[in-house]
């Protein structure tokens, strides 16, 4: 990583923010791995009454996680979207 995350002049509060971003990214990546491993597509072949979760909801969750991951990456790259 380069840019904002490696800036040595940051205060301790900024470093805490960086640590939180790194932790958030790790957590989002973990959630995406779980969501990607889910056999959601195969669920469509079984009767709807047997579904444990709605595959469409899983797709919405994955989209949200990917969007969040993109926001974390943008912040890490120093491209604060605000």
PDB file of N, CA and C in Angstrom:
ATOM      1  N   UNK A   1       0.839  -1.171   0.000  1.00  0.00           N
ATOM      2  CA  UNK A   1       0.000   0.000   0.000  1.00  0.00           C
ATOM      3  C   UNK A   1       0.884   1.233   0.000  1.00  0.00           C
ATOM      4  N   UNK A   2       0.400   2.231  -0.661  1.00  0.00           N
ATOM      5  CA  UNK A   2       1.144   3.476  -0.690  1.00  0.00           C
ATOM      6  C   UNK A   2       0.194   4.620  -0.411  1.00  0.00           C
ATOM      7  N   UNK A   3       0.785   5.787  -0.227  1.00  0.00           N
ATOM      8  CA  UNK A   3      -0.061   6.964  -0.048  1.00  0.00           C
ATOM      9  C   UNK A   3      -0.424   7.191   1.394  1.00  0.00           C
ATOM     10  N   UNK A   4      -1.672   7.466   1.632  1.00  0.00           N
ATOM     11  CA  UNK A   4      -2.182   7.898   2.926  1.00  0.00           C
ATOM     12  C   UNK A   4      -1.839   6.936   4.048  1.00  0.00           C
ATOM     13  N   UNK A   5      -1.897   5.648   3.816  1.00  0.00           N
ATOM     14  CA  UNK A   5      -1.651   4.669   4.879  1.00  0.00           C
ATOM     15  C   UNK A   5      -0.204   4.663   5.353  1.00  0.00           C
ATOM     16  N   UNK A   6       0.739   5.023   4.491  1.00  0.00           N
ATOM     17  CA  UNK A   6       2.139   4.962   4.861  1.00  0.00           C
ATOM     18  C   UNK A   6       2.701   6.323   5.254  1.00  0.00           C
ATOM     19  N   UNK A   7       1.882   7.335   5.386  1.00  0.00           N
ATOM     20  CA  UNK A   7       2.327   8.674   5.754  1.00  0.00           C
ATOM     21  C   UNK A   7       2.796   8.667   7.203  1.00  0.00           C
ATOM     22  N   UNK A   8       4.100   8.858   7.420  1.00  0.00           N
ATOM     23  CA  UNK A   8       4.687   8.795   8.753  1.00  0.00           C
ATOM     24  C   UNK A   8       4.302   9.986   9.619  1.00  0.00           C
ATOM     25  N   UNK A   9       3.769  11.055   9.046  1.00  0.00           N
ATOM     26  CA  UNK A   9       3.448  12.257   9.811  1.00  0.00           C
ATOM     27  C   UNK A   9       2.063  12.201  10.449  1.00  0.00           C
ATOM     28  N   UNK A  10       1.354  11.100  10.301  1.00  0.00           N
ATOM     29  CA  UNK A  10       0.006  10.987  10.869  1.00  0.00           C
ATOM     30  C   UNK A  10       0.055  10.955  12.376  1.00  0.00           C
ATOM     31  N   UNK A  11      -0.994  11.469  13.007  1.00  0.00           N
ATOM     32  CA  UNK A  11      -1.109  11.430  14.462  1.00  0.00           C
ATOM     33  C   UNK A  11      -1.545  10.028  14.902  1.00  0.00           C
ATOM     34  N   UNK A  12      -1.519   9.817  16.233  1.00  0.00           N
ATOM     35  CA  UNK A  12      -1.961   8.523  16.757  1.00  0.00           C
ATOM     36  C   UNK A  12      -3.422   8.263  16.420  1.00  0.00           C
ATOM     37  N   UNK A  13      -4.259   9.325  16.418  1.00  0.00           N
ATOM     38  CA  UNK A  13      -5.667   9.154  16.037  1.00  0.00           C
ATOM     39  C   UNK A  13      -5.784   8.689  14.595  1.00  0.00           C
ATOM     40  N   UNK A  14      -4.951   9.258  13.724  1.00  0.00           N
ATOM     41  CA  UNK A  14      -4.961   8.833  12.323  1.00  0.00           C
ATOM     42  C   UNK A  14      -4.526   7.380  12.207  1.00  0.00           C
ATOM     43  N   UNK A  15      -3.525   7.006  13.003  1.00  0.00           N
ATOM     44  CA  UNK A  15      -3.047   5.615  12.958  1.00  0.00           C
ATOM     45  C   UNK A  15      -4.135   4.659  13.440  1.00  0.00           C
ATOM     46  N   UNK A  16      -4.893   5.087  14.458  1.00  0.00           N
ATOM     47  CA  UNK A  16      -6.017   4.273  14.916  1.00  0.00           C
ATOM     48  C   UNK A  16      -7.028   4.099  13.794  1.00  0.00           C
ATOM     49  N   UNK A  17      -7.259   5.164  13.041  1.00  0.00           N
ATOM     50  CA  UNK A  17      -8.173   5.087  11.902  1.00  0.00           C
ATOM     51  C   UNK A  17      -7.681   4.124  10.845  1.00  0.00           C
ATOM     52  N   UNK A  18      -6.378   4.147  10.609  1.00  0.00           N
ATOM     53  CA  UNK A  18      -5.777   3.232   9.634  1.00  0.00           C
ATOM     54  C   UNK A  18      -5.941   1.798  10.122  1.00  0.00           C
ATOM     55  N   UNK A  19      -5.661   1.579  11.413  1.00  0.00           N
ATOM     56  CA  UNK A  19      -5.825   0.234  11.973  1.00  0.00           C
ATOM     57  C   UNK A  19      -7.263  -0.243  11.815  1.00  0.00           C
ATOM     58  N   UNK A  20      -8.197   0.661  12.017  1.00  0.00           N
ATOM     59  CA  UNK A  20      -9.614   0.287  11.861  1.00  0.00           C
ATOM     60  C   UNK A  20      -9.942  -0.038  10.412  1.00  0.00           C
ATOM     61  N   UNK A  21      -9.368   0.734   9.474  1.00  0.00           N
ATOM     62  CA  UNK A  21      -9.596   0.439   8.053  1.00  0.00           C
ATOM     63  C   UNK A  21      -9.046  -0.935   7.694  1.00  0.00           C
ATOM     64  N   UNK A  22      -7.854  -1.241   8.177  1.00  0.00           N
ATOM     65  CA  UNK A  22      -7.240  -2.533   7.889  1.00  0.00           C
ATOM     66  C   UNK A  22      -8.097  -3.654   8.471  1.00  0.00           C
ATOM     67  N   UNK A  23      -8.563  -3.461   9.711  1.00  0.00           N
ATOM     68  CA  UNK A  23      -9.416  -4.467  10.342  1.00  0.00           C
ATOM     69  C   UNK A  23     -10.739  -4.610   9.595  1.00  0.00           C
ATOM     70  N   UNK A  24     -11.312  -3.479   9.171  1.00  0.00           N
ATOM     71  CA  UNK A  24     -12.566  -3.523   8.418  1.00  0.00           C
ATOM     72  C   UNK A  24     -12.375  -4.259   7.101  1.00  0.00           C
ATOM     73  N   UNK A  25     -11.275  -3.959   6.410  1.00  0.00           N
ATOM     74  CA  UNK A  25     -11.021  -4.638   5.142  1.00  0.00           C
ATOM     75  C   UNK A  25     -10.899  -6.143   5.345  1.00  0.00           C
ATOM     76  N   UNK A  26     -10.192  -6.551   6.391  1.00  0.00           N
ATOM     77  CA  UNK A  26     -10.037  -7.986   6.668  1.00  0.00           C
ATOM     78  C   UNK A  26     -11.393  -8.624   6.959  1.00  0.00           C
ATOM     79  N   UNK A  27     -12.217  -7.929   7.731  1.00  0.00           N
ATOM     80  CA  UNK A  27     -13.533  -8.472   8.065  1.00  0.00           C
ATOM     81  C   UNK A  27     -14.422  -8.576   6.822  1.00  0.00           C
ATOM     82  N   UNK A  28     -14.399  -7.548   5.980  1.00  0.00           N
ATOM     83  CA  UNK A  28     -15.214  -7.573   4.755  1.00  0.00           C
ATOM     84  C   UNK A  28     -14.738  -8.686   3.834  1.00  0.00           C
ATOM     85  N   UNK A  29     -13.425  -8.839   3.700  1.00  0.00           N
ATOM     86  CA  UNK A  29     -12.888  -9.920   2.857  1.00  0.00           C
ATOM     87  C   UNK A  29     -13.330 -11.289   3.390  1.00  0.00           C
ATOM     88  N   UNK A  30     -13.333 -11.447   4.703  1.00  0.00           N
ATOM     89  CA  UNK A  30     -13.794 -12.703   5.301  1.00  0.00           C
ATOM     90  C   UNK A  30     -15.257 -12.961   5.025  1.00  0.00           C
ATOM     91  N   UNK A  31     -16.071 -11.928   5.172  1.00  0.00           N
ATOM     92  CA  UNK A  31     -17.505 -12.058   4.891  1.00  0.00           C
ATOM     93  C   UNK A  31     -17.745 -12.386   3.424  1.00  0.00           C
ATOM     94  N   UNK A  32     -16.964 -11.746   2.531  1.00  0.00           N
ATOM     95  CA  UNK A  32     -17.100 -12.050   1.101  1.00  0.00           C
ATOM     96  C   UNK A  32     -16.707 -13.490   0.800  1.00  0.00           C
ATOM     97  N   UNK A  33     -15.676 -13.974   1.458  1.00  0.00           N
ATOM     98  CA  UNK A  33     -15.254 -15.369   1.241  1.00  0.00           C
ATOM     99  C   UNK A  33     -16.367 -16.324   1.644  1.00  0.00           C
ATOM    100  N   UNK A  34     -17.017 -16.040   2.762  1.00  0.00           N
ATOM    101  CA  UNK A  34     -18.131 -16.880   3.214  1.00  0.00           C
ATOM    102  C   UNK A  34     -19.292 -16.790   2.221  1.00  0.00           C
ATOM    103  N   UNK A  35     -19.616 -15.564   1.800  1.00  0.00           N
ATOM    104  CA  UNK A  35     -20.728 -15.374   0.867  1.00  0.00           C
ATOM    105  C   UNK A  35     -20.435 -16.033  -0.479  1.00  0.00           C
ATOM    106  N   UNK A  36     -19.187 -15.913  -0.953  1.00  0.00           N
ATOM    107  CA  UNK A  36     -18.817 -16.521  -2.233  1.00  0.00           C
ATOM    108  C   UNK A  36     -18.839 -18.049  -2.166  1.00  0.00           C
ATOM    109  N   UNK A  37     -18.557 -18.590  -0.997  1.00  0.00           N
ATOM    110  CA  UNK A  37     -18.554 -20.053  -0.838  1.00  0.00           C
ATOM    111  C   UNK A  37     -19.961 -20.618  -0.694  1.00  0.00           C
ATOM    112  N   UNK A  38     -20.925 -19.756  -0.480  1.00  0.00           N
ATOM    113  CA  UNK A  38     -22.306 -20.197  -0.311  1.00  0.00           C
ATOM    114  C   UNK A  38     -22.849 -20.744  -1.630  1.00  0.00           C
ATOM    115  N   UNK A  39     -23.513 -21.870  -1.574  1.00  0.00           N
ATOM    116  CA  UNK A  39     -24.061 -22.459  -2.801  1.00  0.00           C
ATOM    117  C   UNK A  39     -25.396 -21.822  -3.193  1.00  0.00           C
ATOM    118  N   UNK A  40     -25.463 -20.509  -3.204  1.00  0.00           N
ATOM    119  CA  UNK A  40     -26.721 -19.802  -3.449  1.00  0.00           C
ATOM    120  C   UNK A  40     -27.308 -20.115  -4.824  1.00  0.00           C
ATOM    121  N   UNK A  41     -26.486 -20.196  -5.831  1.00  0.00           N
ATOM    122  CA  UNK A  41     -26.991 -20.435  -7.181  1.00  0.00           C
ATOM    123  C   UNK A  41     -27.643 -21.812  -7.269  1.00  0.00           C
ATOM    124  N   UNK A  42     -27.062 -22.803  -6.622  1.00  0.00           N
ATOM    125  CA  UNK A  42     -27.619 -24.145  -6.636  1.00  0.00           C
ATOM    126  C   UNK A  42     -28.951 -24.242  -5.926  1.00  0.00           C
ATOM    127  N   UNK A  43     -29.233 -23.268  -5.078  1.00  0.00           N
ATOM    128  CA  UNK A  43     -30.495 -23.271  -4.341  1.00  0.00           C
ATOM    129  C   UNK A  43     -31.672 -23.136  -5.294  1.00  0.00           C
ATOM    130  N   UNK A  44     -31.487 -22.441  -6.404  1.00  0.00           N
ATOM    131  CA  UNK A  44     -32.585 -22.236  -7.351  1.00  0.00           C
ATOM    132  C   UNK A  44     -33.109 -23.550  -7.923  1.00  0.00           C
ATOM    133  N   UNK A  45     -32.281 -24.593  -7.886  1.00  0.00           N
ATOM    134  CA  UNK A  45     -32.722 -25.873  -8.439  1.00  0.00           C
ATOM    135  C   UNK A  45     -33.611 -26.646  -7.468  1.00  0.00           C
ATOM    136  N   UNK A  46     -33.649 -26.239  -6.211  1.00  0.00           N
ATOM    137  CA  UNK A  46     -34.505 -26.912  -5.233  1.00  0.00           C
ATOM    138  C   UNK A  46     -35.802 -26.121  -5.055  1.00  0.00           C
ATOM    139  N   UNK A  47     -36.831 -26.748  -4.552  1.00  0.00           N
ATOM    140  CA  UNK A  47     -38.091 -26.037  -4.344  1.00  0.00           C
ATOM    141  C   UNK A  47     -37.912 -24.874  -3.356  1.00  0.00           C
ATOM    142  N   UNK A  48     -38.597 -23.798  -3.603  1.00  0.00           N
ATOM    143  CA  UNK A  48     -38.470 -22.600  -2.770  1.00  0.00           C
ATOM    144  C   UNK A  48     -38.754 -22.889  -1.301  1.00  0.00           C
ATOM    145  N   UNK A  49     -39.649 -23.829  -1.036  1.00  0.00           N
ATOM    146  CA  UNK A  49     -39.991 -24.161   0.347  1.00  0.00           C
ATOM    147  C   UNK A  49     -38.820 -24.779   1.115  1.00  0.00           C
ATOM    148  N   UNK A  50     -37.791 -25.244   0.393  1.00  0.00           N
ATOM    149  CA  UNK A  50     -36.631 -25.850   1.034  1.00  0.00           C
ATOM    150  C   UNK A  50     -35.454 -24.879   1.211  1.00  0.00           C
ATOM    151  N   UNK A  51     -35.600 -23.663   0.711  1.00  0.00           N
ATOM    152  CA  UNK A  51     -34.516 -22.696   0.818  1.00  0.00           C
ATOM    153  C   UNK A  51     -34.329 -22.276   2.262  1.00  0.00           C
ATOM    154  N   UNK A  52     -33.092 -22.248   2.713  1.00  0.00           N
ATOM    155  CA  UNK A  52     -32.777 -21.734   4.041  1.00  0.00           C
ATOM    156  C   UNK A  52     -32.643 -20.213   4.000  1.00  0.00           C
ATOM    157  N   UNK A  53     -32.167 -19.710   2.865  1.00  0.00           N
ATOM    158  CA  UNK A  53     -32.053 -18.266   2.640  1.00  0.00           C
ATOM    159  C   UNK A  53     -32.480 -17.973   1.216  1.00  0.00           C
ATOM    160  N   UNK A  54     -32.893 -16.748   0.992  1.00  0.00           N
ATOM    161  CA  UNK A  54     -33.269 -16.331  -0.354  1.00  0.00           C
ATOM    162  C   UNK A  54     -31.993 -15.977  -1.122  1.00  0.00           C
ATOM    163  N   UNK A  55     -31.729 -16.640  -2.251  1.00  0.00           N
ATOM    164  CA  UNK A  55     -30.516 -16.359  -3.020  1.00  0.00           C
ATOM    165  C   UNK A  55     -30.412 -14.893  -3.440  1.00  0.00           C
ATOM    166  N   UNK A  56     -31.523 -14.245  -3.674  1.00  0.00           N
ATOM    167  CA  UNK A  56     -31.491 -12.826  -4.048  1.00  0.00           C
ATOM    168  C   UNK A  56     -30.944 -11.984  -2.899  1.00  0.00           C
ATOM    169  N   UNK A  57     -31.279 -12.346  -1.667  1.00  0.00           N
ATOM    170  CA  UNK A  57     -30.749 -11.622  -0.510  1.00  0.00           C
ATOM    171  C   UNK A  57     -29.239 -11.806  -0.406  1.00  0.00           C
ATOM    172  N   UNK A  58     -28.751 -12.994  -0.720  1.00  0.00           N
ATOM    173  CA  UNK A  58     -27.305 -13.225  -0.711  1.00  0.00           C
ATOM    174  C   UNK A  58     -26.609 -12.365  -1.749  1.00  0.00           C
ATOM    175  N   UNK A  59     -27.229 -12.223  -2.912  1.00  0.00           N
ATOM    176  CA  UNK A  59     -26.639 -11.391  -3.958  1.00  0.00           C
ATOM    177  C   UNK A  59     -26.609  -9.929  -3.529  1.00  0.00           C
ATOM    178  N   UNK A  60     -27.647  -9.464  -2.878  1.00  0.00           N
ATOM    179  CA  UNK A  60     -27.680  -8.089  -2.375  1.00  0.00           C
ATOM    180  C   UNK A  60     -26.585  -7.892  -1.326  1.00  0.00           C
ATOM    181  N   UNK A  61     -26.426  -8.876  -0.436  1.00  0.00           N
ATOM    182  CA  UNK A  61     -25.388  -8.794   0.592  1.00  0.00           C
ATOM    183  C   UNK A  61     -24.000  -8.749  -0.038  1.00  0.00           C
ATOM    184  N   UNK A  62     -23.757  -9.594  -1.037  1.00  0.00           N
ATOM    185  CA  UNK A  62     -22.461  -9.609  -1.704  1.00  0.00           C
ATOM    186  C   UNK A  62     -22.190  -8.269  -2.383  1.00  0.00           C
ATOM    187  N   UNK A  63     -23.196  -7.703  -3.005  1.00  0.00           N
ATOM    188  CA  UNK A  63     -23.037  -6.406  -3.658  1.00  0.00           C
ATOM    189  C   UNK A  63     -22.673  -5.338  -2.639  1.00  0.00           C
ATOM    190  N   UNK A  64     -23.344  -5.343  -1.504  1.00  0.00           N
ATOM    191  CA  UNK A  64     -23.039  -4.379  -0.446  1.00  0.00           C
ATOM    192  C   UNK A  64     -21.633  -4.550   0.088  1.00  0.00           C
ATOM    193  N   UNK A  65     -21.207  -5.797   0.277  1.00  0.00           N
ATOM    194  CA  UNK A  65     -19.858  -6.060   0.772  1.00  0.00           C
ATOM    195  C   UNK A  65     -18.805  -5.606  -0.231  1.00  0.00           C
ATOM    196  N   UNK A  66     -19.050  -5.861  -1.505  1.00  0.00           N
ATOM    197  CA  UNK A  66     -18.090  -5.423  -2.530  1.00  0.00           C
ATOM    198  C   UNK A  66     -18.027  -3.897  -2.601  1.00  0.00           C
ATOM    199  N   UNK A  67     -19.153  -3.246  -2.418  1.00  0.00           N
ATOM    200  CA  UNK A  67     -19.178  -1.789  -2.403  1.00  0.00           C
ATOM    201  C   UNK A  67     -18.404  -1.250  -1.203  1.00  0.00           C
ATOM    202  N   UNK A  68     -18.601  -1.854  -0.044  1.00  0.00           N
ATOM    203  CA  UNK A  68     -17.879  -1.456   1.160  1.00  0.00           C
ATOM    204  C   UNK A  68     -16.379  -1.681   0.989  1.00  0.00           C
ATOM    205  N   UNK A  69     -16.004  -2.797   0.396  1.00  0.00           N
ATOM    206  CA  UNK A  69     -14.596  -3.076   0.156  1.00  0.00           C
ATOM    207  C   UNK A  69     -13.996  -2.032  -0.785  1.00  0.00           C
ATOM    208  N   UNK A  70     -14.743  -1.639  -1.788  1.00  0.00           N
ATOM    209  CA  UNK A  70     -14.274  -0.595  -2.701  1.00  0.00           C
ATOM    210  C   UNK A  70     -14.067   0.732  -1.985  1.00  0.00           C
ATOM    211  N   UNK A  71     -14.953   1.054  -1.054  1.00  0.00           N
ATOM    212  CA  UNK A  71     -14.818   2.293  -0.289  1.00  0.00           C
ATOM    213  C   UNK A  71     -13.576   2.237   0.600  1.00  0.00           C
ATOM    214  N   UNK A  72     -13.325   1.097   1.224  1.00  0.00           N
ATOM    215  CA  UNK A  72     -12.130   0.950   2.064  1.00  0.00           C
ATOM    216  C   UNK A  72     -10.884   1.095   1.209  1.00  0.00           C
ATOM    217  N   UNK A  73     -10.868   0.471   0.058  1.00  0.00           N
ATOM    218  CA  UNK A  73      -9.709   0.573  -0.835  1.00  0.00           C
ATOM    219  C   UNK A  73      -9.488   2.015  -1.270  1.00  0.00           C
ATOM    220  N   UNK A  74     -10.561   2.736  -1.551  1.00  0.00           N
ATOM    221  CA  UNK A  74     -10.438   4.135  -1.956  1.00  0.00           C
ATOM    222  C   UNK A  74      -9.838   4.979  -0.835  1.00  0.00           C
ATOM    223  N   UNK A  75     -10.281   4.740   0.376  1.00  0.00           N
ATOM    224  CA  UNK A  75      -9.710   5.472   1.510  1.00  0.00           C
ATOM    225  C   UNK A  75      -8.253   5.123   1.713  1.00  0.00           C
ATOM    226  N   UNK A  76      -7.919   3.849   1.573  1.00  0.00           N
ATOM    227  CA  UNK A  76      -6.531   3.432   1.737  1.00  0.00           C
ATOM    228  C   UNK A  76      -5.632   4.042   0.667  1.00  0.00           C
ATOM    229  N   UNK A  77      -6.166   4.249  -0.503  1.00  0.00           N
ATOM    230  CA  UNK A  77      -5.393   4.816  -1.605  1.00  0.00           C
ATOM    231  C   UNK A  77      -5.316   6.338  -1.518  1.00  0.00           C
ATOM    232  N   UNK A  78      -5.975   6.902  -0.520  1.00  0.00           N
ATOM    233  CA  UNK A  78      -5.926   8.343  -0.358  1.00  0.00           C
ATOM    234  C   UNK A  78      -6.938   9.080  -1.200  1.00  0.00           C
ATOM    235  N   UNK A  79      -7.890   8.356  -1.754  1.00  0.00           N
ATOM    236  CA  UNK A  79      -8.926   8.981  -2.575  1.00  0.00           C
ATOM    237  C   UNK A  79     -10.195   9.072  -1.757  1.00  0.00           C
ATOM    238  N   UNK A  80     -10.132   9.845  -0.696  1.00  0.00           N
ATOM    239  CA  UNK A  80     -11.290  10.018   0.194  1.00  0.00           C
ATOM    240  C   UNK A  80     -12.467  10.531  -0.637  1.00  0.00           C
ATOM    241  N   UNK A  81     -13.572   9.779  -0.724  1.00  0.00           N
ATOM    242  CA  UNK A  81     -14.687  10.158  -1.597  1.00  0.00           C
ATOM    243  C   UNK A  81     -15.515  11.332  -1.081  1.00  0.00           C
ATOM    244  N   UNK A  82     -15.199  11.865   0.094  1.00  0.00           N
ATOM    245  CA  UNK A  82     -15.973  13.006   0.621  1.00  0.00           C
ATOM    246  C   UNK A  82     -15.689  14.245  -0.110  1.00  0.00           C
TER     247      UNK A  82
END
